[in-house]
N, C-alpha and C. Protein backbone atom coordinates (compact mmCIF):
# COMPACT_ATOMS: atom_id res chain seq x y z
N MET A 1 -1.20 -17.99 -6.22
CA MET A 1 0.12 -16.95 -6.72
C MET A 1 -0.01 -16.10 -7.89
N TYR A 2 1.29 -14.84 -7.22
CA TYR A 2 0.76 -13.86 -8.27
C TYR A 2 1.70 -14.30 -8.66
N ARG A 3 1.74 -13.75 -10.75
CA ARG A 3 2.44 -13.42 -11.72
C ARG A 3 3.73 -13.20 -11.35
N ASP A 4 2.96 -11.79 -10.88
CA ASP A 4 4.62 -10.60 -10.53
C ASP A 4 3.69 -9.59 -10.05
N THR A 5 4.68 -8.85 -9.82
CA THR A 5 4.11 -7.08 -8.82
C THR A 5 3.04 -6.48 -9.16
N GLN A 6 2.64 -7.06 -10.41
CA GLN A 6 1.50 -5.65 -10.73
C GLN A 6 0.47 -6.74 -11.00
N HIS A 7 0.63 -8.02 -10.76
CA HIS A 7 -0.56 -8.69 -10.52
C HIS A 7 -0.77 -8.66 -9.47
N TRP A 8 -0.46 -8.26 -8.29
CA TRP A 8 -1.02 -8.69 -7.36
C TRP A 8 -1.48 -7.07 -6.97
N ILE A 9 -0.41 -6.40 -7.51
CA ILE A 9 -1.03 -4.98 -7.58
C ILE A 9 -2.55 -4.84 -7.14
N GLU A 10 -2.55 -5.17 -9.17
CA GLU A 10 -4.29 -5.18 -9.21
C GLU A 10 -5.27 -6.44 -8.17
N THR A 11 -4.50 -7.38 -7.79
CA THR A 11 -5.22 -7.87 -7.34
C THR A 11 -6.23 -7.12 -5.85
N LEU A 12 -5.32 -6.67 -5.12
CA LEU A 12 -5.51 -5.81 -4.10
C LEU A 12 -6.22 -5.25 -4.62
N GLU A 13 -6.31 -4.12 -5.69
CA GLU A 13 -7.41 -2.90 -6.08
C GLU A 13 -8.77 -3.44 -6.22
N LYS A 14 -8.75 -4.65 -6.99
CA LYS A 14 -10.22 -5.35 -6.22
C LYS A 14 -10.83 -5.43 -5.97
N ALA A 15 -10.07 -6.33 -4.03
CA ALA A 15 -10.42 -6.00 -3.62
C ALA A 15 -10.48 -5.47 -2.25
N ASN A 16 -10.27 -3.48 -2.86
CA ASN A 16 -9.92 -3.02 -2.36
C ASN A 16 -9.50 -2.99 -0.35
N GLU A 17 -8.56 -3.56 -1.24
CA GLU A 17 -7.24 -4.20 0.05
C GLU A 17 -5.98 -2.35 -0.33
N LEU A 18 -6.35 -2.21 -1.24
CA LEU A 18 -4.77 -1.17 -1.56
C LEU A 18 -5.48 0.00 -1.22
N VAL A 19 -4.56 0.99 -0.72
CA VAL A 19 -5.16 2.29 0.19
C VAL A 19 -3.98 3.09 -0.99
N ARG A 20 -4.02 3.83 -1.80
CA ARG A 20 -3.20 4.40 -2.25
C ARG A 20 -3.24 6.40 -1.81
N ILE A 21 -1.39 6.65 -1.73
CA ILE A 21 -1.77 7.69 -0.79
C ILE A 21 -1.07 8.85 -1.44
N LYS A 22 -1.95 10.09 -1.83
CA LYS A 22 -1.51 10.64 -3.61
C LYS A 22 -0.80 11.90 -2.84
N THR A 23 -0.88 12.61 -1.08
CA THR A 23 -0.02 13.43 -1.20
C THR A 23 1.78 12.74 -0.51
N PRO A 24 2.19 13.13 -0.96
CA PRO A 24 4.18 12.75 -1.05
C PRO A 24 4.36 12.36 1.04
N VAL A 25 4.90 11.31 1.09
CA VAL A 25 5.44 11.36 2.60
C VAL A 25 7.10 11.32 2.20
N SER A 26 7.67 11.88 3.69
CA SER A 26 8.79 10.77 3.93
C SER A 26 9.29 9.61 3.92
N PRO A 27 9.50 8.73 3.86
CA PRO A 27 9.22 7.03 3.97
C PRO A 27 9.90 6.95 5.37
N SER A 28 10.47 7.55 5.24
CA SER A 28 11.94 7.67 6.81
C SER A 28 11.02 8.08 7.95
N LEU A 29 10.25 9.13 7.64
CA LEU A 29 8.77 9.99 8.99
C LEU A 29 7.63 8.98 9.02
N GLU A 30 6.83 9.07 7.88
CA GLU A 30 5.98 9.01 7.67
C GLU A 30 5.24 7.24 7.45
N ILE A 31 6.06 6.49 6.98
CA ILE A 31 5.29 5.13 7.09
C ILE A 31 5.65 4.29 7.63
N THR A 32 6.83 4.19 8.93
CA THR A 32 5.81 3.96 10.59
C THR A 32 4.66 4.60 11.22
N GLU A 33 4.38 5.83 11.18
CA GLU A 33 3.39 6.32 11.49
C GLU A 33 1.89 5.12 10.21
N ILE A 34 1.99 5.51 9.95
CA ILE A 34 1.13 4.79 8.60
C ILE A 34 0.98 3.18 9.26
N THR A 35 1.60 2.88 9.44
CA THR A 35 1.81 1.26 9.88
C THR A 35 1.16 1.05 11.32
N ASP A 36 1.69 1.99 11.76
CA ASP A 36 1.40 1.81 13.49
C ASP A 36 -0.38 2.15 13.33
N ARG A 37 -0.61 3.03 12.50
CA ARG A 37 -2.39 3.37 13.37
C ARG A 37 -2.93 2.27 12.07
N VAL A 38 -2.25 1.36 11.48
CA VAL A 38 -3.13 0.45 10.12
C VAL A 38 -3.18 -0.79 11.06
N SER A 39 -2.43 -0.90 11.95
CA SER A 39 -1.93 -2.68 12.77
C SER A 39 -2.85 -2.32 14.11
């Protein structure tokens, strides 16, 4: 179990399971596309 959200994010980073997107995206338009691509 994770202590908090920060601990969860750190765990994902250490496991190379977190992808950080540096380019700003529109949540209403882009998140669906990103989700479709990785599923």
